[in-house]
Protein backbone atom coordinates (compact mmCIF):
# COMPACT_ATOMS: atom_id res chain seq x y z
CA MET A 1 -11.75 -5.49 -25.40
CA SER A 2 -12.15 -7.13 -21.93
CA GLU A 3 -14.59 -5.41 -19.32
CA HIS A 4 -13.47 -1.98 -18.10
CA VAL A 5 -11.51 -1.71 -14.50
CA PRO A 6 -10.75 1.49 -12.99
CA SER A 7 -7.53 2.56 -13.32
CA THR A 8 -5.44 4.97 -10.85
CA ALA A 9 -7.29 7.69 -9.32
CA ALA A 10 -4.68 10.14 -10.53
CA THR A 11 -6.23 10.14 -13.74
CA GLY A 12 -9.91 8.70 -13.08
CA THR A 13 -9.45 7.15 -16.75
CA GLU A 14 -11.01 3.56 -17.31
CA ARG A 15 -8.86 1.14 -18.93
CA ALA A 16 -8.81 -2.21 -19.94
CA PRO A 17 -6.66 -5.20 -19.80
CA ALA A 18 -5.38 -5.84 -23.24
CA SER A 19 -7.23 -9.00 -24.39
CA ALA A 20 -5.81 -11.54 -26.52
CA PRO A 21 -5.79 -10.19 -30.34
CA LEU A 22 -6.60 -12.19 -33.39
CA ALA A 23 -3.37 -13.14 -34.25
CA ALA A 24 -2.98 -12.58 -38.06
CA PHE A 25 0.81 -12.83 -37.72
CA ALA A 26 1.01 -15.77 -35.62
CA GLY A 27 4.08 -17.85 -36.53
CA LEU A 28 5.84 -14.86 -38.30
CA ARG A 29 9.39 -13.97 -36.80
CA ILE A 30 10.59 -10.17 -36.93
CA VAL A 31 13.78 -9.26 -35.82
CA GLU A 32 13.96 -5.20 -34.96
CA VAL A 33 16.94 -3.31 -34.55
CA THR A 34 16.01 0.17 -33.87
CA SER A 35 16.16 3.03 -31.22
CA ASP A 36 13.58 2.88 -28.50
CA ARG A 37 11.12 5.72 -29.93
CA SER A 38 11.19 5.50 -33.50
CA ALA A 39 8.73 4.87 -36.32
CA GLY A 40 10.62 1.55 -36.87
CA ALA A 41 9.89 0.77 -33.27
CA LEU A 42 6.35 1.49 -33.37
CA THR A 43 5.64 -0.60 -36.66
CA GLY A 44 7.43 -3.63 -34.66
CA ARG A 45 4.80 -2.75 -31.82
CA MET A 46 1.83 -2.96 -34.50
CA LEU A 47 3.10 -6.09 -35.96
CA ALA A 48 3.66 -7.93 -32.35
CA GLN A 49 0.43 -6.72 -31.27
CA LEU A 50 -1.03 -8.40 -34.38
CA GLY A 51 0.50 -11.91 -33.43
CA ALA A 52 4.20 -11.47 -34.71
CA GLY A 53 6.78 -12.83 -32.75
CA CYS A 54 8.98 -9.66 -32.60
CA GLU A 55 12.72 -9.77 -31.23
CA ARG A 56 14.29 -6.49 -30.67
CA ILE A 57 17.62 -4.98 -30.16
CA ASP A 58 18.34 -1.71 -28.65
CA ALA A 59 20.38 -0.04 -31.60
CA GLY A 60 21.13 2.63 -29.20
CA SER A 61 23.25 0.55 -27.08
CA ALA A 62 24.18 -1.91 -29.88
CA ALA A 63 25.77 1.01 -32.35
CA ALA A 64 29.62 1.30 -32.01
CA GLY A 65 30.69 4.63 -30.52
CA ALA A 66 27.28 5.71 -30.13
CA VAL A 67 26.44 8.71 -28.52
CA VAL A 68 23.96 8.47 -25.39
CA ASP A 69 22.65 11.44 -23.84
CA GLU A 70 20.93 10.50 -20.55
CA PRO A 71 18.02 12.55 -19.94
CA PRO A 72 17.09 14.97 -17.00
CA ASP A 73 15.36 13.36 -14.39
CA GLU A 74 12.27 15.34 -14.74
CA VAL A 75 11.87 13.93 -18.57
CA ALA A 76 12.38 10.04 -17.37
CA SER A 77 8.58 9.27 -16.56
CA TRP A 78 8.02 10.81 -20.13
CA ARG A 79 10.85 8.40 -21.73
CA ALA A 80 9.36 5.64 -19.72
CA ALA A 81 5.88 6.08 -21.14
CA LEU A 82 6.90 6.56 -24.60
CA ALA A 83 9.09 3.08 -24.63
CA MET A 84 6.23 1.39 -23.52
CA MET A 85 3.91 2.62 -26.14
CA TYR A 86 6.64 1.71 -28.75
CA GLY A 87 8.04 -1.23 -27.32
CA ALA A 88 4.90 -3.49 -26.31
CA GLY A 89 4.74 -7.00 -26.94
CA LYS A 90 8.29 -7.58 -28.07
CA GLN A 91 10.99 -9.80 -26.75
CA LEU A 92 13.99 -7.92 -25.84
CA ARG A 93 17.70 -9.23 -27.15
CA GLU A 94 21.08 -8.39 -26.23
CA PRO A 95 23.05 -6.36 -28.88
CA ALA A 96 25.57 -9.24 -28.93
CA ALA A 97 23.31 -10.89 -31.01
CA LEU A 98 24.15 -8.84 -34.09
CA ASP A 99 27.84 -10.74 -33.88
CA ASP A 100 26.16 -13.58 -35.22
CA LEU A 101 24.02 -12.06 -37.97
CA ASP A 102 23.70 -15.51 -40.01
CA GLY A 103 22.14 -16.75 -36.27
CA LEU A 104 20.09 -13.82 -35.75
CA LEU A 105 18.37 -13.88 -39.26
CA SER A 106 18.15 -17.68 -39.64
CA GLY A 107 14.16 -18.22 -40.05
CA ALA A 108 13.27 -14.72 -39.75
CA ASP A 109 10.52 -13.15 -42.12
CA VAL A 110 11.22 -9.74 -41.62
CA LEU A 111 14.32 -7.70 -40.58
CA LEU A 112 13.05 -4.27 -39.35
CA VAL A 113 15.26 -1.56 -39.02
CA ASP A 114 15.67 2.52 -38.42
CA ASP A 115 18.50 4.70 -38.85
CA ALA A 116 20.04 4.09 -35.79
CA GLY A 117 19.75 0.18 -36.80
CA ILE A 118 21.38 0.64 -39.81
CA ARG A 119 24.20 2.46 -38.30
CA ALA A 120 24.44 -0.72 -35.45
CA MET A 121 24.58 -3.35 -38.19
CA GLY A 122 27.57 -1.40 -39.86
CA GLY A 123 26.05 1.04 -42.37
CA SER A 124 23.70 0.38 -45.40
CA ASP A 125 26.41 -1.21 -47.49
CA ALA A 126 27.63 -3.58 -44.96
CA LEU A 127 24.03 -4.31 -44.17
CA ASP A 128 23.02 -4.94 -48.08
CA ALA A 129 26.12 -7.19 -48.69
CA ALA A 130 25.16 -9.58 -45.28
CA LEU A 131 21.49 -9.55 -46.50
CA SER A 132 22.32 -11.19 -49.78
CA ARG A 133 22.67 -14.37 -48.08
CA PHE A 134 19.13 -14.13 -47.28
CA PRO A 135 16.83 -13.86 -50.39
CA ALA A 136 13.36 -14.79 -48.74
CA LEU A 137 14.04 -12.23 -45.92
CA ILE A 138 11.68 -9.07 -46.28
CA ARG A 139 13.86 -5.87 -45.34
CA CYS A 140 12.12 -2.73 -43.66
CA PRO A 141 13.76 -0.02 -43.50
CA VAL A 142 11.71 2.74 -41.55
CA THR A 143 14.09 5.72 -41.75
CA ALA A 144 13.77 9.47 -41.11
CA VAL A 145 14.29 10.66 -44.86
CA GLY A 146 14.60 7.29 -46.87
CA SER A 147 17.28 4.96 -48.02
CA HIS A 148 17.87 7.31 -51.06
CA ALA A 149 17.69 10.64 -49.56
CA ALA A 150 19.17 14.10 -50.43
CA ALA A 151 17.58 15.87 -47.73
CA GLY A 152 19.67 16.14 -44.51
CA GLY A 153 21.65 13.23 -42.51
CA SER A 154 20.30 10.10 -40.63
CA ARG A 155 20.20 11.67 -37.57
CA ALA A 156 16.85 13.59 -37.05
CA THR A 157 14.11 14.68 -34.58
CA GLU A 158 10.08 14.31 -35.30
CA LEU A 159 10.90 18.63 -35.43
CA THR A 160 13.63 18.42 -38.06
CA VAL A 161 11.84 16.25 -40.44
CA GLU A 162 8.75 18.26 -40.40
CA ALA A 163 10.40 21.21 -41.39
CA VAL A 164 12.36 19.50 -44.02
CA ALA A 165 8.85 17.81 -45.48
CA GLY A 166 7.21 21.01 -45.25
CA VAL A 167 4.83 20.54 -42.77
CA LEU A 168 6.15 23.46 -40.57
CA GLY A 169 5.32 25.58 -43.61
CA THR A 170 1.38 24.76 -43.19
CA THR A 171 0.99 25.07 -39.44
CA GLY A 172 0.81 27.90 -37.22
CA HIS A 173 -0.97 31.53 -38.63
CA SER A 174 1.87 32.48 -40.58
CA LEU A 175 5.34 31.36 -41.49
CA GLU A 176 6.95 33.66 -39.08
CA GLU A 177 4.75 31.64 -36.36
CA THR A 178 5.08 28.09 -37.35
CA VAL A 179 4.11 25.57 -34.77
CA ARG A 180 4.65 21.35 -34.81
CA ALA A 181 2.24 19.06 -34.93
CA GLY A 182 2.37 18.31 -31.02
CA PHE A 183 2.72 14.53 -31.34
CA PRO A 184 4.65 12.16 -33.53
CA VAL A 185 2.25 12.62 -36.50
CA GLY A 186 5.31 11.46 -38.56
CA ASP A 187 6.27 8.48 -36.61
CA ILE A 188 2.54 7.22 -36.98
CA ILE A 189 2.00 7.65 -40.52
CA ALA A 190 5.30 5.99 -41.23
CA ALA A 191 4.65 2.91 -39.03
CA LEU A 192 1.25 2.54 -40.84
CA ASN A 193 3.09 2.49 -44.06
CA ALA A 194 5.40 0.04 -43.10
CA VAL A 195 2.94 -2.43 -41.77
CA SER A 196 0.99 -2.11 -45.09
CA GLY A 197 3.93 -2.59 -47.06
CA THR A 198 5.10 -5.42 -45.18
CA LEU A 199 1.81 -7.10 -45.62
CA ALA A 200 2.22 -6.64 -49.17
CA ALA A 201 5.80 -8.04 -49.45
CA LEU A 202 4.54 -10.94 -47.38
CA ILE A 203 1.80 -11.49 -49.68
CA ARG A 204 4.23 -11.27 -52.96
CA ARG A 205 6.47 -13.56 -51.08
CA ARG A 206 3.89 -16.43 -50.59
CA ARG A 207 3.05 -16.06 -54.24
CA THR A 208 6.92 -15.59 -55.67
CA GLY A 209 9.04 -16.81 -52.68
CA GLU A 210 11.16 -13.96 -53.00
CA GLY A 211 11.92 -11.26 -50.28
CA THR A 212 11.14 -7.47 -50.91
CA ARG A 213 12.70 -4.43 -49.44
CA VAL A 214 9.74 -2.27 -47.95
CA ASP A 215 11.09 1.49 -48.57
CA THR A 216 9.47 4.12 -46.57
CA SER A 217 10.05 7.33 -44.48
CA VAL A 218 8.90 9.63 -41.93
CA PHE A 219 9.61 12.25 -44.83
CA ASP A 220 7.69 10.21 -47.48
CA GLY A 221 4.44 10.13 -45.43
CA LEU A 222 4.40 13.52 -44.35
CA PHE A 223 4.74 14.67 -48.07
CA PHE A 224 2.12 12.50 -49.10
CA PHE A 225 -0.35 13.93 -46.67
CA LEU A 226 0.19 17.36 -47.33
CA GLY A 227 -1.72 16.63 -50.81
CA THR A 228 -4.48 19.32 -49.96
CA PHE A 229 -1.87 22.14 -49.66
CA MET A 230 -0.08 20.62 -52.87
CA ALA A 231 -3.29 21.34 -54.81
CA LYS A 232 -2.90 25.04 -55.11
CA TRP A 233 0.48 25.15 -56.07
CA LEU A 234 0.46 22.23 -58.63
CA ALA A 235 -2.69 23.56 -60.12
CA ALA A 236 -2.09 27.15 -60.19
CA GLY A 237 1.24 27.81 -58.91
CA ILE A 238 -0.10 29.52 -55.63
CA GLU A 239 2.25 28.86 -52.81
CA PRO A 240 -0.07 27.74 -49.82
CA GLN A 241 0.56 29.81 -46.48
CA PRO A 242 -0.38 28.44 -42.99
CA VAL A 243 -3.94 29.12 -42.30
CA GLY A 244 -4.04 28.12 -38.62
CA ASN A 245 -7.16 25.99 -37.62
CA ARG A 246 -8.96 27.20 -41.20
CA HIS A 247 -9.31 25.09 -44.12
CA PRO A 248 -6.88 26.35 -47.58
CA VAL A 249 -10.18 26.15 -49.98
CA ILE A 250 -13.21 26.06 -47.65
CA GLY A 251 -15.05 28.52 -45.32
CA PRO A 252 -15.88 29.36 -42.72
CA TRP A 253 -13.74 26.45 -40.70
CA ASN A 254 -12.41 27.65 -37.30
CA ASP A 255 -12.78 27.48 -33.56
CA TYR A 256 -14.78 30.07 -32.02
CA PRO A 257 -15.03 31.12 -28.16
CA THR A 258 -17.94 30.44 -25.96
CA SER A 259 -18.77 31.39 -22.55
CA ASP A 260 -17.24 28.20 -20.92
CA GLY A 261 -14.61 26.95 -23.73
CA SER A 262 -14.32 26.83 -27.43
CA VAL A 263 -16.11 24.96 -30.57
CA VAL A 264 -15.26 24.11 -33.74
CA ILE A 265 -17.63 24.88 -36.84
CA CYS A 266 -17.13 23.93 -39.97
CA VAL A 267 -19.18 24.81 -43.14
CA ALA A 268 -18.37 23.16 -46.30
CA THR A 269 -21.52 23.81 -48.52
CA ASP A 270 -23.70 26.77 -49.64
CA ALA A 271 -26.74 25.57 -48.07
CA ALA A 272 -24.94 25.07 -45.09
CA TRP A 273 -23.75 28.45 -44.90
CA GLY A 274 -27.19 29.83 -45.87
CA ARG A 275 -28.75 28.08 -42.64
CA LEU A 276 -26.02 29.02 -40.46
CA CYS A 277 -26.51 32.77 -41.49
CA GLU A 278 -30.38 32.12 -40.76
CA LEU A 279 -29.44 31.24 -37.14
CA LEU A 280 -27.02 33.90 -36.72
CA GLY A 281 -29.12 36.49 -37.92
CA THR A 282 -27.26 38.76 -40.63
CA GLY A 283 -29.49 41.78 -40.39
CA GLU A 284 -29.33 45.04 -42.76
CA GLN A 285 -25.46 44.91 -42.45
CA ARG A 286 -25.06 41.59 -43.87
CA GLU A 287 -28.30 41.15 -45.68
CA ASP A 288 -26.16 40.03 -48.86
CA TRP A 289 -23.77 37.43 -46.66
CA PRO A 290 -25.76 34.37 -47.20
CA GLY A 291 -25.34 34.69 -51.08
CA TRP A 292 -21.75 34.52 -50.48
CA SER A 293 -19.87 31.66 -52.70
CA ASN A 294 -17.58 29.68 -51.19
CA ASN A 295 -14.46 31.66 -52.83
CA GLU A 296 -15.94 34.78 -51.40
CA ARG A 297 -16.11 33.42 -48.07
CA VAL A 298 -12.75 32.15 -47.99
CA ALA A 299 -11.59 35.52 -49.15
CA ARG A 300 -13.49 37.27 -46.14
CA GLN A 301 -12.97 34.98 -43.51
CA ASP A 302 -11.69 37.36 -41.10
CA GLU A 303 -15.01 39.39 -41.38
CA ILE A 304 -16.91 36.22 -40.81
CA ASP A 305 -14.97 34.79 -38.02
CA VAL A 306 -15.74 37.68 -36.29
CA TRP A 307 -19.18 37.72 -36.47
CA ILE A 308 -19.54 34.08 -35.39
CA SER A 309 -17.52 34.65 -32.50
CA GLU A 310 -19.67 37.50 -31.55
CA TRP A 311 -22.63 35.18 -31.43
CA THR A 312 -20.66 32.12 -29.77
CA ARG A 313 -19.19 34.11 -27.26
CA THR A 314 -22.52 34.80 -25.75
CA ARG A 315 -23.56 31.01 -25.47
CA THR A 316 -22.11 27.91 -23.65
CA SER A 317 -20.35 25.34 -25.60
CA ASP A 318 -23.78 23.00 -25.12
CA ASP A 319 -25.96 25.69 -26.30
CA VAL A 320 -23.91 26.48 -29.31
CA LEU A 321 -23.37 22.52 -30.40
CA SER A 322 -27.10 22.15 -29.75
CA GLN A 323 -28.29 24.61 -32.49
CA VAL A 324 -25.47 24.59 -34.75
CA ASP A 325 -25.98 20.59 -34.93
CA GLN A 326 -29.82 21.09 -35.51
CA LEU A 327 -28.58 22.75 -39.00
CA GLY A 328 -26.87 19.70 -40.24
CA VAL A 329 -23.41 21.72 -39.82
CA PRO A 330 -20.49 19.95 -38.54
CA CYS A 331 -19.38 21.31 -34.86
CA SER A 332 -17.58 19.87 -32.14
CA ARG A 333 -16.49 21.08 -28.28
CA LEU A 334 -12.71 21.56 -28.35
CA GLN A 335 -11.56 19.38 -25.63
CA SER A 336 -8.36 19.21 -23.68
CA LEU A 337 -6.44 15.94 -23.46
CA ALA A 338 -7.73 14.98 -20.00
CA GLU A 339 -11.12 15.63 -21.17
CA VAL A 340 -10.72 13.10 -23.89
CA LEU A 341 -8.97 10.71 -21.48
CA ASP A 342 -12.20 10.94 -19.62
CA SER A 343 -15.04 11.09 -22.01
CA GLN A 344 -17.51 8.60 -23.08
CA GLN A 345 -16.19 8.12 -26.69
CA THR A 346 -12.78 6.86 -25.18
CA ARG A 347 -14.52 4.67 -22.82
CA ALA A 348 -16.90 3.27 -25.50
CA ARG A 349 -13.99 2.52 -27.76
CA GLY A 350 -11.84 1.06 -25.38
CA LEU A 351 -8.71 3.11 -26.23
CA ILE A 352 -6.77 2.70 -23.04
CA GLU A 353 -5.27 -0.74 -22.15
CA GLU A 354 -3.29 -2.06 -19.53
CA ALA A 355 0.40 -3.23 -20.71
CA ALA A 356 1.73 -6.62 -19.22
CA ASN A 357 3.59 -4.42 -16.52
CA GLY A 358 0.29 -2.62 -15.53
CA ALA A 359 0.86 0.52 -17.18
CA SER A 360 -1.61 2.48 -18.94
CA ILE A 361 -1.14 2.96 -22.62
CA ALA A 362 -3.37 3.88 -25.90
CA ARG A 363 -4.18 0.52 -27.78
CA LEU A 364 -3.51 0.27 -31.24
CA PRO A 365 -6.15 2.23 -33.56
CA PHE A 366 -7.16 -1.01 -35.34
CA ARG A 367 -8.34 -4.47 -34.13
CA LEU A 368 -9.47 -7.70 -36.00
CA ARG A 369 -12.59 -9.19 -34.70
CA ARG A 370 -14.47 -12.15 -35.04
CA LEU A 371 -17.74 -11.92 -37.28
């Protein structure tokens, strides 16, 4: 990253002008037909910022009979920021380019579509028939629930996919009070999977000369990452329940109030638990607590959390972190997004960059550097 320069005074956050990346995908031509805020669009941004030439057609305006709802004025800036996050580094093309599909795809290496893109190109069957003329083309549909799906339709939101994939059955503090992830975790996972699959397909084509369908979806990615919760069900038939910020099989593991905020403390071993007990001071009432096994601690987390909270609540976050860190027990401050944006970690990693139009956006979570 380039040297940091101050951004607007509104946030106080530092940003770095986007530096020229190592163009790993230089010479690669991608045709993208997606809506403006989907996992497919995010996949295109990742490939474009690694050097690929990405030509994007807005599937929302291209689809015949598309229902386009204008957002309320108060969310216009939010949508503009998301469009920049998902669309940086792309060349926009008019929807009319779809009328000459042979011309559009001639010389293309990858066709990237989402659910809206498939509809804009006439549906799955029509698209498959048209693509049969391009045997070396890599096709990457990044859809909500998969191209061979039994769950729901092709119109979905982050929340509907989190619900059908089981994510909402693991969040919050109970099945009656579930909460969404809060950020498009499904889009991010699916985009990273699609980039990985595209890279594998390109390597295979170099060896065989054949194109490949890279088949992934938001549902597939979310399902895979629920492995921690699946373990109890697959091994013992025990249905997992939402546990808030706790860990389903390790404890104590939670956030705790301090006199000036909150901290997170995670105890992963019996030895660490013993050291924490010594710090907090068990007294006669809890003299047997240091000997509790992990299973006993998980079963009695309510009692343990009350005890830890009584200790942390009378101390500042800095004091708690200093003492717990000395024990070798993982701990951290619970930060707001504003605090994260202004943190030394964010600045040191150069995580905010300046887009072509001068807007501040989060940079990709990986970079290629020369040795």
